[in-house]
Amino acid sequence: MNSAEVVKLIHADGWRLVRISGSHHHFRHALKAGLVTIPHPKRDLPPGTLNSILKQAGLK
């Protein structure tokens, strides 16, 4: 899964972009705690990175 697909997935779950720091996009949710950081643009995310992002977003 590439970073654009992950951004669409968490955006659909209610996460909103709060800042961009270099090649990393940072997202916050109104109801869920924490900050999710996604390296973007990146063609394919390594499986460990993808799993970590999904866990932080509460999607896994």
PDB file of N, CA and C in Angstrom:
ATOM      1  N   MET A   1       0.857  -1.169   0.000  1.00  0.00           N
ATOM      2  CA  MET A   1       0.000   0.000   0.000  1.00  0.00           C
ATOM      3  C   MET A   1       0.906   1.236   0.000  1.00  0.00           C
ATOM      4  N   ASN A   2       0.581   2.215  -0.830  1.00  0.00           N
ATOM      5  CA  ASN A   2       1.418   3.406  -0.879  1.00  0.00           C
ATOM      6  C   ASN A   2       0.873   4.483   0.061  1.00  0.00           C
ATOM      7  N   SER A   3       1.636   5.536   0.239  1.00  0.00           N
ATOM      8  CA  SER A   3       1.277   6.559   1.223  1.00  0.00           C
ATOM      9  C   SER A   3       0.006   7.320   0.843  1.00  0.00           C
ATOM     10  N   ALA A   4      -0.248   7.512  -0.429  1.00  0.00           N
ATOM     11  CA  ALA A   4      -1.465   8.221  -0.847  1.00  0.00           C
ATOM     12  C   ALA A   4      -2.715   7.435  -0.453  1.00  0.00           C
ATOM     13  N   GLU A   5      -2.658   6.115  -0.573  1.00  0.00           N
ATOM     14  CA  GLU A   5      -3.791   5.274  -0.177  1.00  0.00           C
ATOM     15  C   GLU A   5      -4.018   5.333   1.329  1.00  0.00           C
ATOM     16  N   VAL A   6      -2.925   5.360   2.101  1.00  0.00           N
ATOM     17  CA  VAL A   6      -3.032   5.446   3.562  1.00  0.00           C
ATOM     18  C   VAL A   6      -3.618   6.793   3.965  1.00  0.00           C
ATOM     19  N   VAL A   7      -3.190   7.871   3.310  1.00  0.00           N
ATOM     20  CA  VAL A   7      -3.723   9.200   3.606  1.00  0.00           C
ATOM     21  C   VAL A   7      -5.230   9.219   3.346  1.00  0.00           C
ATOM     22  N   LYS A   8      -5.681   8.654   2.245  1.00  0.00           N
ATOM     23  CA  LYS A   8      -7.121   8.593   1.942  1.00  0.00           C
ATOM     24  C   LYS A   8      -7.863   7.787   2.996  1.00  0.00           C
ATOM     25  N   LEU A   9      -7.262   6.676   3.436  1.00  0.00           N
ATOM     26  CA  LEU A   9      -7.888   5.803   4.414  1.00  0.00           C
ATOM     27  C   LEU A   9      -8.078   6.502   5.763  1.00  0.00           C
ATOM     28  N   ILE A  10      -7.043   7.159   6.261  1.00  0.00           N
ATOM     29  CA  ILE A  10      -7.193   7.807   7.566  1.00  0.00           C
ATOM     30  C   ILE A  10      -8.020   9.086   7.456  1.00  0.00           C
ATOM     31  N   HIS A  11      -7.960   9.747   6.310  1.00  0.00           N
ATOM     32  CA  HIS A  11      -8.790  10.936   6.107  1.00  0.00           C
ATOM     33  C   HIS A  11     -10.268  10.554   6.155  1.00  0.00           C
ATOM     34  N   ALA A  12     -10.617   9.410   5.576  1.00  0.00           N
ATOM     35  CA  ALA A  12     -12.000   8.929   5.591  1.00  0.00           C
ATOM     36  C   ALA A  12     -12.458   8.562   7.002  1.00  0.00           C
ATOM     37  N   ASP A  13     -11.496   8.244   7.888  1.00  0.00           N
ATOM     38  CA  ASP A  13     -11.807   7.888   9.268  1.00  0.00           C
ATOM     39  C   ASP A  13     -11.930   9.118  10.172  1.00  0.00           C
ATOM     40  N   GLY A  14     -11.679  10.307   9.622  1.00  0.00           N
ATOM     41  CA  GLY A  14     -11.850  11.521  10.404  1.00  0.00           C
ATOM     42  C   GLY A  14     -10.568  12.220  10.814  1.00  0.00           C
ATOM     43  N   TRP A  15      -9.431  11.707  10.419  1.00  0.00           N
ATOM     44  CA  TRP A  15      -8.152  12.338  10.735  1.00  0.00           C
ATOM     45  C   TRP A  15      -7.948  13.532   9.813  1.00  0.00           C
ATOM     46  N   ARG A  16      -7.395  14.614  10.342  1.00  0.00           N
ATOM     47  CA  ARG A  16      -7.178  15.837   9.571  1.00  0.00           C
ATOM     48  C   ARG A  16      -5.703  16.234   9.602  1.00  0.00           C
ATOM     49  N   LEU A  17      -5.217  16.717   8.487  1.00  0.00           N
ATOM     50  CA  LEU A  17      -3.834  17.163   8.363  1.00  0.00           C
ATOM     51  C   LEU A  17      -3.624  18.404   9.224  1.00  0.00           C
ATOM     52  N   VAL A  18      -2.625  18.360  10.113  1.00  0.00           N
ATOM     53  CA  VAL A  18      -2.343  19.518  10.965  1.00  0.00           C
ATOM     54  C   VAL A  18      -1.051  20.221  10.583  1.00  0.00           C
ATOM     55  N   ARG A  19      -0.097  19.474  10.030  1.00  0.00           N
ATOM     56  CA  ARG A  19       1.139  20.118   9.572  1.00  0.00           C
ATOM     57  C   ARG A  19       1.905  19.179   8.651  1.00  0.00           C
ATOM     58  N   ILE A  20       2.818  19.791   7.909  1.00  0.00           N
ATOM     59  CA  ILE A  20       3.727  19.044   7.041  1.00  0.00           C
ATOM     60  C   ILE A  20       5.131  19.439   7.448  1.00  0.00           C
ATOM     61  N   SER A  21       5.944  18.447   7.729  1.00  0.00           N
ATOM     62  CA  SER A  21       7.326  18.685   8.127  1.00  0.00           C
ATOM     63  C   SER A  21       8.218  17.917   7.157  1.00  0.00           C
ATOM     64  N   GLY A  22       8.732  18.607   6.164  1.00  0.00           N
ATOM     65  CA  GLY A  22       9.535  17.942   5.144  1.00  0.00           C
ATOM     66  C   GLY A  22       8.685  16.985   4.343  1.00  0.00           C
ATOM     67  N   SER A  23       9.038  15.706   4.389  1.00  0.00           N
ATOM     68  CA  SER A  23       8.278  14.704   3.629  1.00  0.00           C
ATOM     69  C   SER A  23       7.326  13.916   4.521  1.00  0.00           C
ATOM     70  N   HIS A  24       7.001  14.455   5.693  1.00  0.00           N
ATOM     71  CA  HIS A  24       6.100  13.767   6.618  1.00  0.00           C
ATOM     72  C   HIS A  24       4.845  14.595   6.850  1.00  0.00           C
ATOM     73  N   HIS A  25       3.701  13.948   6.731  1.00  0.00           N
ATOM     74  CA  HIS A  25       2.416  14.598   6.998  1.00  0.00           C
ATOM     75  C   HIS A  25       1.916  14.133   8.359  1.00  0.00           C
ATOM     76  N   HIS A  26       1.470  15.084   9.184  1.00  0.00           N
ATOM     77  CA  HIS A  26       1.031  14.796  10.541  1.00  0.00           C
ATOM     78  C   HIS A  26      -0.476  15.014  10.632  1.00  0.00           C
ATOM     79  N   PHE A  27      -1.170  14.032  11.184  1.00  0.00           N
ATOM     80  CA  PHE A  27      -2.631  14.058  11.258  1.00  0.00           C
ATOM     81  C   PHE A  27      -3.095  13.951  12.703  1.00  0.00           C
ATOM     82  N   ARG A  28      -4.203  14.646  13.019  1.00  0.00           N
ATOM     83  CA  ARG A  28      -4.864  14.557  14.322  1.00  0.00           C
ATOM     84  C   ARG A  28      -6.331  14.226  14.104  1.00  0.00           C
ATOM     85  N   HIS A  29      -6.921  13.619  15.130  1.00  0.00           N
ATOM     86  CA  HIS A  29      -8.340  13.258  15.099  1.00  0.00           C
ATOM     87  C   HIS A  29      -9.051  14.027  16.196  1.00  0.00           C
ATOM     88  N   ALA A  30     -10.292  14.439  15.946  1.00  0.00           N
ATOM     89  CA  ALA A  30     -11.052  15.215  16.924  1.00  0.00           C
ATOM     90  C   ALA A  30     -11.375  14.390  18.169  1.00  0.00           C
ATOM     91  N   LEU A  31     -11.596  13.086  18.014  1.00  0.00           N
ATOM     92  CA  LEU A  31     -12.011  12.258  19.139  1.00  0.00           C
ATOM     93  C   LEU A  31     -10.944  11.282  19.625  1.00  0.00           C
ATOM     94  N   LYS A  32     -10.060  10.869  18.753  1.00  0.00           N
ATOM     95  CA  LYS A  32      -9.027   9.898  19.117  1.00  0.00           C
ATOM     96  C   LYS A  32      -7.769  10.634  19.566  1.00  0.00           C
ATOM     97  N   ALA A  33      -7.071  10.034  20.511  1.00  0.00           N
ATOM     98  CA  ALA A  33      -5.849  10.651  21.029  1.00  0.00           C
ATOM     99  C   ALA A  33      -4.666  10.383  20.102  1.00  0.00           C
ATOM    100  N   GLY A  34      -3.697  11.253  20.145  1.00  0.00           N
ATOM    101  CA  GLY A  34      -2.447  11.021  19.454  1.00  0.00           C
ATOM    102  C   GLY A  34      -2.300  11.746  18.123  1.00  0.00           C
ATOM    103  N   LEU A  35      -1.141  11.536  17.563  1.00  0.00           N
ATOM    104  CA  LEU A  35      -0.744  12.134  16.303  1.00  0.00           C
ATOM    105  C   LEU A  35      -0.250  11.005  15.412  1.00  0.00           C
ATOM    106  N   VAL A  36      -0.686  10.991  14.165  1.00  0.00           N
ATOM    107  CA  VAL A  36      -0.250   9.970  13.212  1.00  0.00           C
ATOM    108  C   VAL A  36       0.627  10.653  12.168  1.00  0.00           C
ATOM    109  N   THR A  37       1.810  10.110  11.966  1.00  0.00           N
ATOM    110  CA  THR A  37       2.758  10.659  11.002  1.00  0.00           C
ATOM    111  C   THR A  37       2.915   9.684   9.844  1.00  0.00           C
ATOM    112  N   ILE A  38       2.781  10.216   8.623  1.00  0.00           N
ATOM    113  CA  ILE A  38       2.901   9.385   7.427  1.00  0.00           C
ATOM    114  C   ILE A  38       3.958   9.988   6.512  1.00  0.00           C
ATOM    115  N   PRO A  39       4.978   9.186   6.133  1.00  0.00           N
ATOM    116  CA  PRO A  39       5.942   9.674   5.156  1.00  0.00           C
ATOM    117  C   PRO A  39       5.257   9.778   3.794  1.00  0.00           C
ATOM    118  N   HIS A  40       5.261  10.978   3.216  1.00  0.00           N
ATOM    119  CA  HIS A  40       4.522  11.185   1.966  1.00  0.00           C
ATOM    120  C   HIS A  40       5.291  12.172   1.098  1.00  0.00           C
ATOM    121  N   PRO A  41       5.489  12.017  -0.167  1.00  0.00           N
ATOM    122  CA  PRO A  41       5.028  10.883  -0.976  1.00  0.00           C
ATOM    123  C   PRO A  41       6.004   9.716  -0.908  1.00  0.00           C
ATOM    124  N   LYS A  42       5.475   8.543  -0.885  1.00  0.00           N
ATOM    125  CA  LYS A  42       6.275   7.320  -0.903  1.00  0.00           C
ATOM    126  C   LYS A  42       5.462   6.261  -1.629  1.00  0.00           C
ATOM    127  N   ARG A  43       6.089   5.575  -2.542  1.00  0.00           N
ATOM    128  CA  ARG A  43       5.357   4.598  -3.352  1.00  0.00           C
ATOM    129  C   ARG A  43       4.810   3.463  -2.501  1.00  0.00           C
ATOM    130  N   ASP A  44       5.667   2.685  -1.892  1.00  0.00           N
ATOM    131  CA  ASP A  44       5.218   1.558  -1.069  1.00  0.00           C
ATOM    132  C   ASP A  44       5.794   1.696   0.332  1.00  0.00           C
ATOM    133  N   LEU A  45       4.923   1.611   1.325  1.00  0.00           N
ATOM    134  CA  LEU A  45       5.368   1.660   2.711  1.00  0.00           C
ATOM    135  C   LEU A  45       5.761   0.259   3.148  1.00  0.00           C
ATOM    136  N   PRO A  46       6.872   0.133   3.885  1.00  0.00           N
ATOM    137  CA  PRO A  46       7.239  -1.188   4.404  1.00  0.00           C
ATOM    138  C   PRO A  46       6.127  -1.726   5.312  1.00  0.00           C
ATOM    139  N   PRO A  47       5.957  -3.047   5.372  1.00  0.00           N
ATOM    140  CA  PRO A  47       4.864  -3.631   6.161  1.00  0.00           C
ATOM    141  C   PRO A  47       4.862  -3.195   7.627  1.00  0.00           C
ATOM    142  N   GLY A  48       6.025  -3.101   8.241  1.00  0.00           N
ATOM    143  CA  GLY A  48       6.105  -2.684   9.644  1.00  0.00           C
ATOM    144  C   GLY A  48       5.659  -1.248   9.838  1.00  0.00           C
ATOM    145  N   THR A  49       6.034  -0.374   8.921  1.00  0.00           N
ATOM    146  CA  THR A  49       5.626   1.024   8.978  1.00  0.00           C
ATOM    147  C   THR A  49       4.126   1.151   8.781  1.00  0.00           C
ATOM    148  N   LEU A  50       3.591   0.424   7.821  1.00  0.00           N
ATOM    149  CA  LEU A  50       2.159   0.446   7.556  1.00  0.00           C
ATOM    150  C   LEU A  50       1.367  -0.035   8.775  1.00  0.00           C
ATOM    151  N   ASN A  51       1.795  -1.139   9.382  1.00  0.00           N
ATOM    152  CA  ASN A  51       1.117  -1.658  10.564  1.00  0.00           C
ATOM    153  C   ASN A  51       1.164  -0.664  11.715  1.00  0.00           C
ATOM    154  N   SER A  52       2.288  -0.008  11.900  1.00  0.00           N
ATOM    155  CA  SER A  52       2.427   0.975  12.965  1.00  0.00           C
ATOM    156  C   SER A  52       1.480   2.155  12.750  1.00  0.00           C
ATOM    157  N   ILE A  53       1.385   2.643  11.526  1.00  0.00           N
ATOM    158  CA  ILE A  53       0.493   3.765  11.208  1.00  0.00           C
ATOM    159  C   ILE A  53      -0.956   3.371  11.472  1.00  0.00           C
ATOM    160  N   LEU A  54      -1.352   2.186  11.024  1.00  0.00           N
ATOM    161  CA  LEU A  54      -2.734   1.735  11.207  1.00  0.00           C
ATOM    162  C   LEU A  54      -3.078   1.540  12.684  1.00  0.00           C
ATOM    163  N   LYS A  55      -2.120   1.038  13.473  1.00  0.00           N
ATOM    164  CA  LYS A  55      -2.349   0.874  14.911  1.00  0.00           C
ATOM    165  C   LYS A  55      -2.489   2.227  15.598  1.00  0.00           C
ATOM    166  N   GLN A  56      -1.625   3.177  15.243  1.00  0.00           N
ATOM    167  CA  GLN A  56      -1.698   4.513  15.838  1.00  0.00           C
ATOM    168  C   GLN A  56      -3.021   5.187  15.502  1.00  0.00           C
ATOM    169  N   ALA A  57      -3.544   4.922  14.320  1.00  0.00           N
ATOM    170  CA  ALA A  57      -4.802   5.532  13.888  1.00  0.00           C
ATOM    171  C   ALA A  57      -6.018   4.781  14.426  1.00  0.00           C
ATOM    172  N   GLY A  58      -5.789   3.641  15.072  1.00  0.00           N
ATOM    173  CA  GLY A  58      -6.889   2.857  15.610  1.00  0.00           C
ATOM    174  C   GLY A  58      -7.669   2.106  14.552  1.00  0.00           C
ATOM    175  N   LEU A  59      -7.027   1.806  13.451  1.00  0.00           N
ATOM    176  CA  LEU A  59      -7.677   1.104  12.357  1.00  0.00           C
ATOM    177  C   LEU A  59      -7.307  -0.374  12.302  1.00  0.00           C
ATOM    178  N   LYS A  60      -6.453  -0.791  13.223  1.00  0.00           N
ATOM    179  CA  LYS A  60      -6.034  -2.198  13.236  1.00  0.00           C
ATOM    180  C   LYS A  60      -6.021  -2.718  14.645  1.00  0.00           C
TER     181      LYS A  60
END
